[in-house]
Amino acid sequence: MVVRLANCQFMIGQFEKVVNFLAKRINKKANSQMVLPCSLYDLAVKNEQKHLAFYQNIDYCTSDSMLITNYFRHKYQKKIDRVYGPDLMLAIFDYQQKNKTNFKHYLLCPNNITKKKISALFNKKYPNQKIFYDYLPKKISQQQELLHYQKILDHKPDFIWIGIGSPKQLAIADWLKNHSQGVKIFCVGAAFDFISGQKKQAPLWMQKNSLEWLFRLLNEPKRLWKRYLVIIPKYLLGQILSNKKNNKT
């Protein structure tokens, strides 16, 4: 089922059905597509002027957040699963491995360490898949970045996976989508780090109880304090006040 939330198009429902839809290749003559496992942070920053165009170019969002998932469950009174970025990525690769597809995948990792770890893991787990591994160096010029993006497209992938974090990964995906056809581009944030073991994932009980943010904050306070203690609370408060105002009118 496809629904809209905050001007974003969400694909919601049972996990397997969402995976089955997203795991299929696009016609090479069709427009490329951007897919984002969407978090509360994405909803909080998407209307900022410097990010707006990137978020508007997304074709499908999935619910990466338990709060968003619970909202959909309450609103539609249906079985709706969380479609978490790392789980989505693994499920699509599992689906394609099982169906013996011959797709080309390009993985753009956050750093060389994660690249080495994820390549060792995926080459063993998915021997039938054609996978190219790469990472984007941090200190390069804008021109060098664009050349790097073009290098990605020169490999003619069917699927591109970007694990750099929002909104940077969306800027990259936006450029790739606008300069290609028939490619499905997934922005999966920290998925490579979690899958490879480079970063710890929150225990399942914390994930199911909407406490994953706390686990991540305690593990990376310097990087994430503003996201979880300022940006997201400010966004949620704004939504609550807006809803109260609308209910009065």
C-alpha atoms as a PDB file:
ATOM      1  CA  MET A   1       0.000   0.000   0.000  1.00  0.00           C
ATOM      2  CA  VAL A   2       1.298   3.451  -0.919  1.00  0.00           C
ATOM      3  CA  VAL A   3       0.314   6.384   1.327  1.00  0.00           C
ATOM      4  CA  ARG A   4       1.535   9.913   1.916  1.00  0.00           C
ATOM      5  CA  LEU A   5       2.957  11.423   5.083  1.00  0.00           C
ATOM      6  CA  ALA A   6       4.533  14.892   5.296  1.00  0.00           C
ATOM      7  CA  ASN A   7       4.488  15.095   1.481  1.00  0.00           C
ATOM      8  CA  CYS A   8       6.507  11.871   1.219  1.00  0.00           C
ATOM      9  CA  GLN A   9       5.273   8.733  -0.535  1.00  0.00           C
ATOM     10  CA  PHE A  10       5.537   5.751   1.818  1.00  0.00           C
ATOM     11  CA  MET A  11       5.289   2.114   0.863  1.00  0.00           C
ATOM     12  CA  ILE A  12       3.838   0.366   3.888  1.00  0.00           C
ATOM     13  CA  GLY A  13       2.495  -3.089   4.732  1.00  0.00           C
ATOM     14  CA  GLN A  14       3.981  -6.472   5.474  1.00  0.00           C
ATOM     15  CA  PHE A  15       7.764  -6.588   5.289  1.00  0.00           C
ATOM     16  CA  GLU A  16       7.927  -9.353   2.663  1.00  0.00           C
ATOM     17  CA  LYS A  17       5.546  -7.572   0.296  1.00  0.00           C
ATOM     18  CA  VAL A  18       7.554  -4.346   0.472  1.00  0.00           C
ATOM     19  CA  VAL A  19      10.771  -6.292  -0.186  1.00  0.00           C
ATOM     20  CA  ASN A  20       9.266  -8.205  -3.113  1.00  0.00           C
ATOM     21  CA  PHE A  21       8.299  -4.930  -4.774  1.00  0.00           C
ATOM     22  CA  LEU A  22      11.593  -3.136  -4.216  1.00  0.00           C
ATOM     23  CA  ALA A  23      13.820  -6.120  -5.107  1.00  0.00           C
ATOM     24  CA  LYS A  24      12.797  -6.063  -8.765  1.00  0.00           C
ATOM     25  CA  ARG A  25      14.882  -4.360 -11.420  1.00  0.00           C
ATOM     26  CA  ILE A  26      13.569  -1.306 -13.259  1.00  0.00           C
ATOM     27  CA  ASN A  27      13.196  -1.255 -17.022  1.00  0.00           C
ATOM     28  CA  LYS A  28      16.435   0.218 -18.344  1.00  0.00           C
ATOM     29  CA  LYS A  29      14.488   2.776 -20.393  1.00  0.00           C
ATOM     30  CA  ALA A  30      12.508   3.989 -17.369  1.00  0.00           C
ATOM     31  CA  ASN A  31      13.473   6.783 -15.003  1.00  0.00           C
ATOM     32  CA  SER A  32      15.749   5.838 -12.120  1.00  0.00           C
ATOM     33  CA  GLN A  33      14.185   5.638  -8.661  1.00  0.00           C
ATOM     34  CA  MET A  34      15.304   6.775  -5.204  1.00  0.00           C
ATOM     35  CA  VAL A  35      14.300   4.727  -2.145  1.00  0.00           C
ATOM     36  CA  LEU A  36      14.772   5.956   1.433  1.00  0.00           C
ATOM     37  CA  PRO A  37      14.169   4.029   4.667  1.00  0.00           C
ATOM     38  CA  CYS A  38      12.822   7.171   6.320  1.00  0.00           C
ATOM     39  CA  SER A  39      13.576   8.107   9.919  1.00  0.00           C
ATOM     40  CA  LEU A  40      12.138  10.833  12.127  1.00  0.00           C
ATOM     41  CA  TYR A  41      15.316  12.796  11.491  1.00  0.00           C
ATOM     42  CA  ASP A  42      14.577  12.732   7.758  1.00  0.00           C
ATOM     43  CA  LEU A  43      11.084  14.123   8.371  1.00  0.00           C
ATOM     44  CA  ALA A  44      12.535  16.771  10.683  1.00  0.00           C
ATOM     45  CA  VAL A  45      15.067  18.170   8.188  1.00  0.00           C
ATOM     46  CA  LYS A  46      13.403  17.527   4.842  1.00  0.00           C
ATOM     47  CA  ASN A  47      11.780  20.973   4.599  1.00  0.00           C
ATOM     48  CA  GLU A  48      15.010  22.876   5.134  1.00  0.00           C
ATOM     49  CA  GLN A  49      15.691  24.834   1.975  1.00  0.00           C
ATOM     50  CA  LYS A  50      19.109  23.271   1.370  1.00  0.00           C
ATOM     51  CA  HIS A  51      17.639  19.739   1.555  1.00  0.00           C
ATOM     52  CA  LEU A  52      14.174  20.221   0.084  1.00  0.00           C
ATOM     53  CA  ALA A  53      14.965  19.360  -3.550  1.00  0.00           C
ATOM     54  CA  PHE A  54      16.669  16.111  -2.553  1.00  0.00           C
ATOM     55  CA  TYR A  55      13.716  14.880  -0.505  1.00  0.00           C
ATOM     56  CA  GLN A  56      11.251  15.893  -3.215  1.00  0.00           C
ATOM     57  CA  ASN A  57      13.105  13.634  -5.654  1.00  0.00           C
ATOM     58  CA  ILE A  58      12.511  10.488  -3.560  1.00  0.00           C
ATOM     59  CA  ASP A  59      10.172   7.973  -5.189  1.00  0.00           C
ATOM     60  CA  TYR A  60       9.491   5.673  -2.240  1.00  0.00           C
ATOM     61  CA  CYS A  61      10.040   5.880   1.494  1.00  0.00           C
ATOM     62  CA  THR A  62       9.782   2.973   3.890  1.00  0.00           C
ATOM     63  CA  SER A  63       9.172   3.339   7.606  1.00  0.00           C
ATOM     64  CA  ASP A  64      12.598   3.056   9.243  1.00  0.00           C
ATOM     65  CA  SER A  65      11.251   4.384  12.558  1.00  0.00           C
ATOM     66  CA  MET A  66       9.049   2.524  15.060  1.00  0.00           C
ATOM     67  CA  LEU A  67       7.257   5.791  15.866  1.00  0.00           C
ATOM     68  CA  ILE A  68       6.356   6.264  12.201  1.00  0.00           C
ATOM     69  CA  THR A  69       5.383   2.577  11.936  1.00  0.00           C
ATOM     70  CA  ASN A  70       3.114   2.818  14.993  1.00  0.00           C
ATOM     71  CA  TYR A  71       1.520   5.938  13.541  1.00  0.00           C
ATOM     72  CA  PHE A  72       0.638   4.039  10.361  1.00  0.00           C
ATOM     73  CA  ARG A  73      -0.655   1.060  12.365  1.00  0.00           C
ATOM     74  CA  HIS A  74      -2.939   3.316  14.391  1.00  0.00           C
ATOM     75  CA  LYS A  75      -4.181   5.254  11.370  1.00  0.00           C
ATOM     76  CA  TYR A  76      -4.871   2.340   9.015  1.00  0.00           C
ATOM     77  CA  GLN A  77      -5.571  -0.432  11.548  1.00  0.00           C
ATOM     78  CA  LYS A  78      -3.602  -2.960   9.506  1.00  0.00           C
ATOM     79  CA  LYS A  79      -0.545  -5.159   9.923  1.00  0.00           C
ATOM     80  CA  ILE A  80       2.289  -2.806   9.065  1.00  0.00           C
ATOM     81  CA  ASP A  81       5.890  -3.767   9.655  1.00  0.00           C
ATOM     82  CA  ARG A  82       8.873  -1.564  10.218  1.00  0.00           C
ATOM     83  CA  VAL A  83      11.115  -1.649   7.130  1.00  0.00           C
ATOM     84  CA  TYR A  84      14.469  -0.949   8.737  1.00  0.00           C
ATOM     85  CA  GLY A  85      17.353  -0.048   6.402  1.00  0.00           C
ATOM     86  CA  PRO A  86      19.772  -2.893   7.298  1.00  0.00           C
ATOM     87  CA  ASP A  87      16.941  -5.472   7.259  1.00  0.00           C
ATOM     88  CA  LEU A  88      15.676  -4.174   3.916  1.00  0.00           C
ATOM     89  CA  MET A  89      19.119  -4.376   2.331  1.00  0.00           C
ATOM     90  CA  LEU A  90      19.772  -7.931   3.527  1.00  0.00           C
ATOM     91  CA  ALA A  91      16.269  -9.059   2.546  1.00  0.00           C
ATOM     92  CA  ILE A  92      16.659  -7.748  -1.010  1.00  0.00           C
ATOM     93  CA  PHE A  93      20.030  -9.470  -1.408  1.00  0.00           C
ATOM     94  CA  ASP A  94      18.550 -12.684   0.067  1.00  0.00           C
ATOM     95  CA  TYR A  95      15.611 -12.471  -2.347  1.00  0.00           C
ATOM     96  CA  GLN A  96      17.874 -12.007  -5.342  1.00  0.00           C
ATOM     97  CA  GLN A  97      20.275 -14.740  -4.232  1.00  0.00           C
ATOM     98  CA  LYS A  98      17.360 -17.155  -3.816  1.00  0.00           C
ATOM     99  CA  ASN A  99      15.934 -16.264  -7.233  1.00  0.00           C
ATOM    100  CA  LYS A 100      19.397 -16.436  -8.868  1.00  0.00           C
ATOM    101  CA  THR A 101      19.147 -13.001 -10.418  1.00  0.00           C
ATOM    102  CA  ASN A 102      22.007 -11.545 -12.393  1.00  0.00           C
ATOM    103  CA  PHE A 103      21.838  -7.924 -11.240  1.00  0.00           C
ATOM    104  CA  LYS A 104      24.751  -5.560 -10.760  1.00  0.00           C
ATOM    105  CA  HIS A 105      25.056  -3.859  -7.375  1.00  0.00           C
ATOM    106  CA  TYR A 106      27.231  -0.889  -6.461  1.00  0.00           C
ATOM    107  CA  LEU A 107      27.848  -0.267  -2.755  1.00  0.00           C
ATOM    108  CA  LEU A 108      29.100   3.195  -1.782  1.00  0.00           C
ATOM    109  CA  CYS A 109      30.441   2.807   1.748  1.00  0.00           C
ATOM    110  CA  PRO A 110      31.233   5.501   4.352  1.00  0.00           C
ATOM    111  CA  ASN A 111      34.921   4.575   4.598  1.00  0.00           C
ATOM    112  CA  ASN A 112      37.526   2.049   3.497  1.00  0.00           C
ATOM    113  CA  ILE A 113      37.328  -0.019   6.703  1.00  0.00           C
ATOM    114  CA  THR A 114      33.604  -0.620   6.299  1.00  0.00           C
ATOM    115  CA  LYS A 115      34.139  -1.315   2.603  1.00  0.00           C
ATOM    116  CA  LYS A 116      36.606  -4.118   3.391  1.00  0.00           C
ATOM    117  CA  LYS A 117      34.349  -5.645   6.057  1.00  0.00           C
ATOM    118  CA  ILE A 118      31.134  -5.531   4.006  1.00  0.00           C
ATOM    119  CA  SER A 119      32.877  -6.909   0.900  1.00  0.00           C
ATOM    120  CA  ALA A 120      34.281  -9.886   2.823  1.00  0.00           C
ATOM    121  CA  LEU A 121      30.830 -10.613   4.263  1.00  0.00           C
ATOM    122  CA  PHE A 122      28.776 -10.169   1.086  1.00  0.00           C
ATOM    123  CA  ASN A 123      31.177 -11.997  -1.248  1.00  0.00           C
ATOM    124  CA  LYS A 124      30.809 -15.047   0.971  1.00  0.00           C
ATOM    125  CA  LYS A 125      27.071 -14.729   1.555  1.00  0.00           C
ATOM    126  CA  TYR A 126      25.991 -13.703  -1.961  1.00  0.00           C
ATOM    127  CA  PRO A 127      28.305 -15.473  -4.432  1.00  0.00           C
ATOM    128  CA  ASN A 128      25.814 -15.209  -7.310  1.00  0.00           C
ATOM    129  CA  GLN A 129      25.507 -11.439  -7.146  1.00  0.00           C
ATOM    130  CA  LYS A 130      27.723  -9.031  -9.074  1.00  0.00           C
ATOM    131  CA  ILE A 131      28.791  -6.505  -6.437  1.00  0.00           C
ATOM    132  CA  PHE A 132      31.225  -3.615  -6.718  1.00  0.00           C
ATOM    133  CA  TYR A 133      32.437  -1.990  -3.491  1.00  0.00           C
ATOM    134  CA  ASP A 134      33.596   1.587  -3.141  1.00  0.00           C
ATOM    135  CA  TYR A 135      33.823   4.472  -0.687  1.00  0.00           C
ATOM    136  CA  LEU A 136      33.800   8.236  -1.078  1.00  0.00           C
ATOM    137  CA  PRO A 137      36.961   9.934   0.259  1.00  0.00           C
ATOM    138  CA  LYS A 138      36.139  12.817   2.600  1.00  0.00           C
ATOM    139  CA  LYS A 139      38.660  15.434   1.539  1.00  0.00           C
ATOM    140  CA  ILE A 140      38.088  15.815  -2.184  1.00  0.00           C
ATOM    141  CA  SER A 141      36.963  18.732  -4.336  1.00  0.00           C
ATOM    142  CA  GLN A 142      33.467  19.114  -5.747  1.00  0.00           C
ATOM    143  CA  GLN A 143      34.808  18.309  -9.217  1.00  0.00           C
ATOM    144  CA  GLN A 144      36.427  15.121  -7.919  1.00  0.00           C
ATOM    145  CA  GLU A 145      33.137  14.159  -6.284  1.00  0.00           C
ATOM    146  CA  LEU A 146      31.251  14.531  -9.558  1.00  0.00           C
ATOM    147  CA  LEU A 147      33.858  12.426 -11.335  1.00  0.00           C
ATOM    148  CA  HIS A 148      33.394   9.801  -8.638  1.00  0.00           C
ATOM    149  CA  TYR A 149      29.623   9.782  -9.184  1.00  0.00           C
ATOM    150  CA  GLN A 150      30.130   9.361 -12.913  1.00  0.00           C
ATOM    151  CA  LYS A 151      32.462   6.440 -12.219  1.00  0.00           C
ATOM    152  CA  ILE A 152      29.589   4.766 -10.355  1.00  0.00           C
ATOM    153  CA  LEU A 153      27.306   5.068 -13.388  1.00  0.00           C
ATOM    154  CA  ASP A 154      30.067   3.862 -15.718  1.00  0.00           C
ATOM    155  CA  HIS A 155      29.755   0.459 -14.040  1.00  0.00           C
ATOM    156  CA  LYS A 156      26.133   0.341 -15.295  1.00  0.00           C
ATOM    157  CA  PRO A 157      24.646  -0.986 -12.045  1.00  0.00           C
ATOM    158  CA  ASP A 158      21.026  -2.063 -11.603  1.00  0.00           C
ATOM    159  CA  PHE A 159      21.084  -1.209  -7.898  1.00  0.00           C
ATOM    160  CA  ILE A 160      23.104   1.436  -6.077  1.00  0.00           C
ATOM    161  CA  TRP A 161      23.357   1.363  -2.277  1.00  0.00           C
ATOM    162  CA  ILE A 162      24.547   4.507  -0.497  1.00  0.00           C
ATOM    163  CA  GLY A 163      25.426   4.178   3.183  1.00  0.00           C
ATOM    164  CA  ILE A 164      26.745   7.601   4.102  1.00  0.00           C
ATOM    165  CA  GLY A 165      23.891   9.114   6.155  1.00  0.00           C
ATOM    166  CA  SER A 166      21.343  11.829   5.442  1.00  0.00           C
ATOM    167  CA  PRO A 167      21.280  14.389   3.980  1.00  0.00           C
ATOM    168  CA  LYS A 168      24.645  13.750   2.230  1.00  0.00           C
ATOM    169  CA  GLN A 169      23.532  10.420   0.806  1.00  0.00           C
ATOM    170  CA  LEU A 170      20.418  12.067  -0.645  1.00  0.00           C
ATOM    171  CA  ALA A 171      22.485  14.690  -2.437  1.00  0.00           C
ATOM    172  CA  ILE A 172      24.510  11.889  -4.036  1.00  0.00           C
ATOM    173  CA  ALA A 173      21.395   9.872  -4.898  1.00  0.00           C
ATOM    174  CA  ASP A 174      19.727  12.951  -6.363  1.00  0.00           C
ATOM    175  CA  TRP A 175      22.647  13.508  -8.762  1.00  0.00           C
ATOM    176  CA  LEU A 176      22.788   9.828  -9.727  1.00  0.00           C
ATOM    177  CA  LYS A 177      19.053   9.676 -10.379  1.00  0.00           C
ATOM    178  CA  ASN A 178      19.124  12.811 -12.544  1.00  0.00           C
ATOM    179  CA  HIS A 179      21.993  11.453 -14.654  1.00  0.00           C
ATOM    180  CA  SER A 180      20.848   7.850 -15.190  1.00  0.00           C
ATOM    181  CA  GLN A 181      18.013   5.618 -16.320  1.00  0.00           C
ATOM    182  CA  GLY A 182      16.742   2.316 -15.025  1.00  0.00           C
ATOM    183  CA  VAL A 183      18.694   2.337 -11.754  1.00  0.00           C
ATOM    184  CA  LYS A 184      17.206   1.766  -8.304  1.00  0.00           C
ATOM    185  CA  ILE A 185      19.087   3.849  -5.720  1.00  0.00           C
ATOM    186  CA  PHE A 186      18.783   3.005  -2.020  1.00  0.00           C
ATOM    187  CA  CYS A 187      19.864   5.451   0.701  1.00  0.00           C
ATOM    188  CA  VAL A 188      20.454   3.167   3.680  1.00  0.00           C
ATOM    189  CA  GLY A 189      22.373   5.366   6.141  1.00  0.00           C
ATOM    190  CA  ALA A 190      24.382   3.376   8.677  1.00  0.00           C
ATOM    191  CA  ALA A 191      23.281  -0.003   7.270  1.00  0.00           C
ATOM    192  CA  PHE A 192      26.771  -0.949   6.039  1.00  0.00           C
ATOM    193  CA  ASP A 193      28.287  -0.169   9.442  1.00  0.00           C
ATOM    194  CA  PHE A 194      25.619  -2.177  11.285  1.00  0.00           C
ATOM    195  CA  ILE A 195      25.675  -5.176   8.943  1.00  0.00           C
ATOM    196  CA  SER A 196      29.476  -5.352   8.892  1.00  0.00           C
ATOM    197  CA  GLY A 197      29.723  -5.021  12.673  1.00  0.00           C
ATOM    198  CA  GLN A 198      31.615  -1.742  12.448  1.00  0.00           C
ATOM    199  CA  LYS A 199      28.913  -0.235  14.680  1.00  0.00           C
ATOM    200  CA  LYS A 200      26.693  -1.956  17.235  1.00  0.00           C
ATOM    201  CA  GLN A 201      22.949  -2.131  16.660  1.00  0.00           C
ATOM    202  CA  ALA A 202      20.510  -1.517  19.464  1.00  0.00           C
ATOM    203  CA  PRO A 203      19.112  -4.662  21.122  1.00  0.00           C
ATOM    204  CA  LEU A 204      15.805  -5.829  19.635  1.00  0.00           C
ATOM    205  CA  TRP A 205      13.861  -4.896  22.764  1.00  0.00           C
ATOM    206  CA  MET A 206      15.065  -1.298  22.418  1.00  0.00           C
ATOM    207  CA  GLN A 207      14.227  -1.235  18.702  1.00  0.00           C
ATOM    208  CA  LYS A 208      10.707  -2.576  19.306  1.00  0.00           C
ATOM    209  CA  ASN A 209      10.071  -0.026  22.078  1.00  0.00           C
ATOM    210  CA  SER A 210      11.218   3.024  20.082  1.00  0.00           C
ATOM    211  CA  LEU A 211      14.400   3.362  22.146  1.00  0.00           C
ATOM    212  CA  GLU A 212      16.968   2.826  19.415  1.00  0.00           C
ATOM    213  CA  TRP A 213      17.665   6.574  19.436  1.00  0.00           C
ATOM    214  CA  LEU A 214      18.829   6.345  23.048  1.00  0.00           C
ATOM    215  CA  PHE A 215      21.219   3.491  22.287  1.00  0.00           C
ATOM    216  CA  ARG A 216      22.729   5.375  19.359  1.00  0.00           C
ATOM    217  CA  LEU A 217      22.995   8.591  21.365  1.00  0.00           C
ATOM    218  CA  LEU A 218      24.864   6.831  24.181  1.00  0.00           C
ATOM    219  CA  ASN A 219      27.252   5.254  21.662  1.00  0.00           C
ATOM    220  CA  GLU A 220      27.885   8.411  19.576  1.00  0.00           C
ATOM    221  CA  PRO A 221      27.019  11.409  21.785  1.00  0.00           C
ATOM    222  CA  LYS A 222      29.255  13.974  20.040  1.00  0.00           C
ATOM    223  CA  ARG A 223      27.855  13.217  16.589  1.00  0.00           C
ATOM    224  CA  LEU A 224      24.208  12.599  17.453  1.00  0.00           C
ATOM    225  CA  TRP A 225      23.315  14.792  20.466  1.00  0.00           C
ATOM    226  CA  LYS A 226      21.904  17.605  18.356  1.00  0.00           C
ATOM    227  CA  ARG A 227      19.857  15.219  16.200  1.00  0.00           C
ATOM    228  CA  TYR A 228      18.189  13.441  19.108  1.00  0.00           C
ATOM    229  CA  LEU A 229      18.050  16.196  21.750  1.00  0.00           C
ATOM    230  CA  VAL A 230      17.291  19.259  19.599  1.00  0.00           C
ATOM    231  CA  ILE A 231      16.208  18.638  15.993  1.00  0.00           C
ATOM    232  CA  ILE A 232      13.794  15.715  16.443  1.00  0.00           C
ATOM    233  CA  PRO A 233      12.161  16.993  19.703  1.00  0.00           C
ATOM    234  CA  LYS A 234      11.666  20.395  18.070  1.00  0.00           C
ATOM    235  CA  TYR A 235      10.024  18.726  15.056  1.00  0.00           C
ATOM    236  CA  LEU A 236       7.738  16.547  17.202  1.00  0.00           C
ATOM    237  CA  LEU A 237       6.693  19.512  19.353  1.00  0.00           C
ATOM    238  CA  GLY A 238       5.882  21.470  16.200  1.00  0.00           C
ATOM    239  CA  GLN A 239       3.716  18.599  14.928  1.00  0.00           C
ATOM    240  CA  ILE A 240       1.849  18.354  18.247  1.00  0.00           C
ATOM    241  CA  LEU A 241       1.146  22.097  18.369  1.00  0.00           C
ATOM    242  CA  SER A 242       0.096  22.109  14.717  1.00  0.00           C
ATOM    243  CA  ASN A 243      -2.342  19.233  15.271  1.00  0.00           C
ATOM    244  CA  LYS A 244      -3.857  20.958  18.320  1.00  0.00           C
ATOM    245  CA  LYS A 245      -4.313  24.146  16.318  1.00  0.00           C
ATOM    246  CA  ASN A 246      -5.963  22.260  13.449  1.00  0.00           C
ATOM    247  CA  ASN A 247      -8.310  20.442  15.853  1.00  0.00           C
ATOM    248  CA  LYS A 248      -9.514  23.757  17.269  1.00  0.00           C
ATOM    249  CA  THR A 249     -10.372  25.230  13.854  1.00  0.00           C
END
